[in-house]
Amino acid sequence: MEELRLWVPSILIGLSFLFNVLVYRAGARKEELEEIRADVGKVKSQLTEHVQTGTASRAAIADRLTVIEGEMRHLPDAQSAKRTEVALENMRGQIEVMSERLKPVSAISERLQEFLLEEAQNRRSRG
C-alpha cells in the first residue's frame, strides 16, 4: 500500500498530462476538420459548376455530332467510291478509244473543208 501511495501521484500526473495532450490535439483536429469542411465545400461548388458547364458542353457536342452524322449519310461508302472509281476508269478507256476512232473522221473533215475552200476560190476566180 505504501508503494501505491508513492506511485499514485506519478500516475495521476501522467494521466493529467495525457489528458491535456488529448484535449489539445482534439482542439487542433477540430480546427483542421473545419478547414477540411470549408475546402470540401469549395470543391463541391466547383464540381457543381464544372458539371453544369460539362453538361452544356456535352449537349453542344451531341448536337454537332448529330449534324455530322446527318451529313455523313449523304457521303458514299468505300464500296460505292470504289465502284465509281472503276466506272470512271472504264469511261476513260472508252473515251480514249473514241478519240482514236474520231481521228480519221477529223482528218476527213479537214480535207473536206480544204476541198470546199479550194472549190470556192476556183469559183471566184472563174466567175
C-alpha atoms as a PDB file:
ATOM      1  CA  MET A   1       0.000   0.000   0.000  1.00  0.00           C
ATOM      2  CA  GLU A   2       2.877   2.245   0.785  1.00  0.00           C
ATOM      3  CA  GLU A   3       4.250   1.732  -2.652  1.00  0.00           C
ATOM      4  CA  LEU A   4       0.891   2.547  -4.122  1.00  0.00           C
ATOM      5  CA  ARG A   5       0.927   5.924  -2.386  1.00  0.00           C
ATOM      6  CA  LEU A   6       4.276   6.632  -3.974  1.00  0.00           C
ATOM      7  CA  TRP A   7       3.118   5.743  -7.471  1.00  0.00           C
ATOM      8  CA  VAL A   8      -0.382   7.258  -7.426  1.00  0.00           C
ATOM      9  CA  PRO A   9       0.784  10.907  -7.710  1.00  0.00           C
ATOM     10  CA  SER A  10       3.093   9.982 -10.626  1.00  0.00           C
ATOM     11  CA  ILE A  11       0.316   8.077 -12.344  1.00  0.00           C
ATOM     12  CA  LEU A  12      -2.117  10.996 -11.822  1.00  0.00           C
ATOM     13  CA  ILE A  13       0.424  13.469 -13.192  1.00  0.00           C
ATOM     14  CA  GLY A  14       0.954  11.223 -16.216  1.00  0.00           C
ATOM     15  CA  LEU A  15      -2.778  10.821 -16.797  1.00  0.00           C
ATOM     16  CA  SER A  16      -3.272  14.556 -16.394  1.00  0.00           C
ATOM     17  CA  PHE A  17      -0.535  15.179 -18.943  1.00  0.00           C
ATOM     18  CA  LEU A  18      -2.063  12.686 -21.401  1.00  0.00           C
ATOM     19  CA  PHE A  19      -5.493  14.252 -20.898  1.00  0.00           C
ATOM     20  CA  ASN A  20      -4.104  17.711 -21.686  1.00  0.00           C
ATOM     21  CA  VAL A  21      -2.365  16.379 -24.797  1.00  0.00           C
ATOM     22  CA  LEU A  22      -5.575  14.717 -25.979  1.00  0.00           C
ATOM     23  CA  VAL A  23      -7.610  17.861 -25.347  1.00  0.00           C
ATOM     24  CA  TYR A  24      -5.051  19.960 -27.251  1.00  0.00           C
ATOM     25  CA  ARG A  25      -4.993  17.510 -30.171  1.00  0.00           C
ATOM     26  CA  ALA A  26      -8.796  17.329 -30.231  1.00  0.00           C
ATOM     27  CA  GLY A  27      -8.951  21.131 -30.454  1.00  0.00           C
ATOM     28  CA  ALA A  28      -6.363  21.137 -33.207  1.00  0.00           C
ATOM     29  CA  ARG A  29      -8.242  18.418 -35.043  1.00  0.00           C
ATOM     30  CA  LYS A  30     -11.440  20.421 -34.719  1.00  0.00           C
ATOM     31  CA  GLU A  31      -9.763  23.365 -36.459  1.00  0.00           C
ATOM     32  CA  GLU A  32      -8.348  21.055 -39.101  1.00  0.00           C
ATOM     33  CA  LEU A  33     -11.756  19.487 -39.534  1.00  0.00           C
ATOM     34  CA  GLU A  34     -13.355  22.904 -40.040  1.00  0.00           C
ATOM     35  CA  GLU A  35     -10.694  23.792 -42.627  1.00  0.00           C
ATOM     36  CA  ILE A  36     -11.284  20.498 -44.384  1.00  0.00           C
ATOM     37  CA  ARG A  37     -15.038  21.086 -44.380  1.00  0.00           C
ATOM     38  CA  ALA A  38     -14.509  24.544 -45.879  1.00  0.00           C
ATOM     39  CA  ASP A  39     -12.244  23.069 -48.558  1.00  0.00           C
ATOM     40  CA  VAL A  40     -14.777  20.334 -49.293  1.00  0.00           C
ATOM     41  CA  GLY A  41     -17.491  22.977 -49.647  1.00  0.00           C
ATOM     42  CA  LYS A  42     -15.373  24.900 -52.152  1.00  0.00           C
ATOM     43  CA  VAL A  43     -14.610  21.754 -54.096  1.00  0.00           C
ATOM     44  CA  LYS A  44     -18.308  20.833 -54.139  1.00  0.00           C
ATOM     45  CA  SER A  45     -19.268  24.208 -55.567  1.00  0.00           C
ATOM     46  CA  GLN A  46     -16.506  23.984 -58.161  1.00  0.00           C
ATOM     47  CA  LEU A  47     -17.594  20.475 -59.057  1.00  0.00           C
ATOM     48  CA  THR A  48     -21.209  21.570 -59.424  1.00  0.00           C
ATOM     49  CA  GLU A  49     -20.141  24.426 -61.683  1.00  0.00           C
ATOM     50  CA  HIS A  50     -17.906  22.093 -63.671  1.00  0.00           C
ATOM     51  CA  VAL A  51     -20.717  19.552 -64.069  1.00  0.00           C
ATOM     52  CA  GLN A  52     -23.094  22.244 -65.313  1.00  0.00           C
ATOM     53  CA  THR A  53     -20.503  23.508 -67.771  1.00  0.00           C
ATOM     54  CA  GLY A  54     -19.731  19.958 -68.843  1.00  0.00           C
ATOM     55  CA  THR A  55     -23.403  19.166 -69.347  1.00  0.00           C
ATOM     56  CA  ALA A  56     -23.815  22.173 -71.622  1.00  0.00           C
ATOM     57  CA  SER A  57     -20.633  21.251 -73.455  1.00  0.00           C
ATOM     58  CA  ARG A  58     -21.725  17.641 -73.884  1.00  0.00           C
ATOM     59  CA  ALA A  59     -25.095  18.805 -75.220  1.00  0.00           C
ATOM     60  CA  ALA A  60     -23.354  21.057 -77.749  1.00  0.00           C
ATOM     61  CA  ILE A  61     -21.074  18.207 -78.793  1.00  0.00           C
ATOM     62  CA  ALA A  62     -24.063  15.870 -79.143  1.00  0.00           C
ATOM     63  CA  ASP A  63     -25.804  18.419 -81.385  1.00  0.00           C
ATOM     64  CA  ARG A  64     -22.698  18.813 -83.538  1.00  0.00           C
ATOM     65  CA  LEU A  65     -22.304  15.045 -83.753  1.00  0.00           C
ATOM     66  CA  THR A  66     -25.921  14.671 -84.875  1.00  0.00           C
ATOM     67  CA  VAL A  67     -25.368  17.230 -87.635  1.00  0.00           C
ATOM     68  CA  ILE A  68     -22.168  15.493 -88.751  1.00  0.00           C
ATOM     69  CA  GLU A  69     -23.885  12.101 -88.784  1.00  0.00           C
ATOM     70  CA  GLY A  70     -26.660  13.576 -90.925  1.00  0.00           C
ATOM     71  CA  GLU A  71     -24.113  14.916 -93.393  1.00  0.00           C
ATOM     72  CA  MET A  72     -22.187  11.639 -93.416  1.00  0.00           C
ATOM     73  CA  ARG A  73     -25.289   9.747 -94.556  1.00  0.00           C
ATOM     74  CA  HIS A  74     -25.074  11.536 -97.915  1.00  0.00           C
ATOM     75  CA  LEU A  75     -21.459  10.547 -98.500  1.00  0.00           C
ATOM     76  CA  PRO A  76     -20.658   7.374-100.408  1.00  0.00           C
ATOM     77  CA  ASP A  77     -19.259   4.410 -98.577  1.00  0.00           C
ATOM     78  CA  ALA A  78     -15.991   2.689 -99.531  1.00  0.00           C
ATOM     79  CA  GLN A  79     -17.654   0.205-101.899  1.00  0.00           C
ATOM     80  CA  SER A  80     -19.564   2.941-103.681  1.00  0.00           C
ATOM     81  CA  ALA A  81     -16.423   5.034-104.056  1.00  0.00           C
ATOM     82  CA  LYS A  82     -14.573   2.014-105.492  1.00  0.00           C
ATOM     83  CA  ARG A  83     -17.394   1.332-107.966  1.00  0.00           C
ATOM     84  CA  THR A  84     -17.306   4.996-109.026  1.00  0.00           C
ATOM     85  CA  GLU A  85     -13.538   4.821-109.500  1.00  0.00           C
ATOM     86  CA  VAL A  86     -13.841   1.671-111.638  1.00  0.00           C
ATOM     87  CA  ALA A  87     -16.632   3.250-113.697  1.00  0.00           C
ATOM     88  CA  LEU A  88     -14.500   6.352-114.304  1.00  0.00           C
ATOM     89  CA  GLU A  89     -11.570   4.191-115.424  1.00  0.00           C
ATOM     90  CA  ASN A  90     -13.883   2.376-117.856  1.00  0.00           C
ATOM     91  CA  MET A  91     -15.177   5.693-119.178  1.00  0.00           C
ATOM     92  CA  ARG A  92     -11.627   6.987-119.591  1.00  0.00           C
ATOM     93  CA  GLY A  93     -10.770   3.905-121.656  1.00  0.00           C
ATOM     94  CA  GLN A  94     -13.887   4.313-123.790  1.00  0.00           C
ATOM     95  CA  ILE A  95     -13.118   7.989-124.381  1.00  0.00           C
ATOM     96  CA  GLU A  96      -9.581   7.130-125.482  1.00  0.00           C
ATOM     97  CA  VAL A  97     -10.947   4.536-127.910  1.00  0.00           C
ATOM     98  CA  MET A  98     -13.496   7.026-129.250  1.00  0.00           C
ATOM     99  CA  SER A  99     -10.767   9.636-129.612  1.00  0.00           C
ATOM    100  CA  GLU A 100      -8.685   7.248-131.697  1.00  0.00           C
ATOM    101  CA  ARG A 101     -11.715   6.332-133.804  1.00  0.00           C
ATOM    102  CA  LEU A 102     -12.568  10.003-134.395  1.00  0.00           C
ATOM    103  CA  LYS A 103      -9.088  10.934-135.668  1.00  0.00           C
ATOM    104  CA  PRO A 104      -9.836   9.660-139.207  1.00  0.00           C
ATOM    105  CA  VAL A 105     -13.189  11.456-139.169  1.00  0.00           C
ATOM    106  CA  SER A 106     -11.354  14.636-138.130  1.00  0.00           C
ATOM    107  CA  ALA A 107      -8.868  14.184-140.967  1.00  0.00           C
ATOM    108  CA  ILE A 108     -11.728  13.674-143.446  1.00  0.00           C
ATOM    109  CA  SER A 109     -13.395  16.801-142.112  1.00  0.00           C
ATOM    110  CA  GLU A 110     -10.212  18.830-142.562  1.00  0.00           C
ATOM    111  CA  ARG A 111      -9.694  17.527-146.110  1.00  0.00           C
ATOM    112  CA  LEU A 112     -13.337  18.244-146.956  1.00  0.00           C
ATOM    113  CA  GLN A 113     -13.009  21.775-145.591  1.00  0.00           C
ATOM    114  CA  GLU A 114      -9.846  22.345-147.648  1.00  0.00           C
ATOM    115  CA  PHE A 115     -11.573  20.966-150.720  1.00  0.00           C
ATOM    116  CA  LEU A 116     -14.574  23.240-150.212  1.00  0.00           C
ATOM    117  CA  LEU A 117     -12.317  26.281-149.714  1.00  0.00           C
ATOM    118  CA  GLU A 118     -10.395  25.448-152.902  1.00  0.00           C
ATOM    119  CA  GLU A 119     -13.665  24.918-154.751  1.00  0.00           C
ATOM    120  CA  ALA A 120     -14.938  28.313-153.519  1.00  0.00           C
ATOM    121  CA  GLN A 121     -11.694  30.011-154.621  1.00  0.00           C
ATOM    122  CA  ASN A 122     -11.900  28.344-158.013  1.00  0.00           C
ATOM    123  CA  ARG A 123     -15.474  29.617-158.471  1.00  0.00           C
ATOM    124  CA  ARG A 124     -14.435  33.156-157.567  1.00  0.00           C
ATOM    125  CA  SER A 125     -11.514  33.096-159.901  1.00  0.00           C
ATOM    126  CA  ARG A 126     -13.723  31.715-162.750  1.00  0.00           C
ATOM    127  CA  GLY A 127     -16.634  33.959-162.091  1.00  0.00           C
END
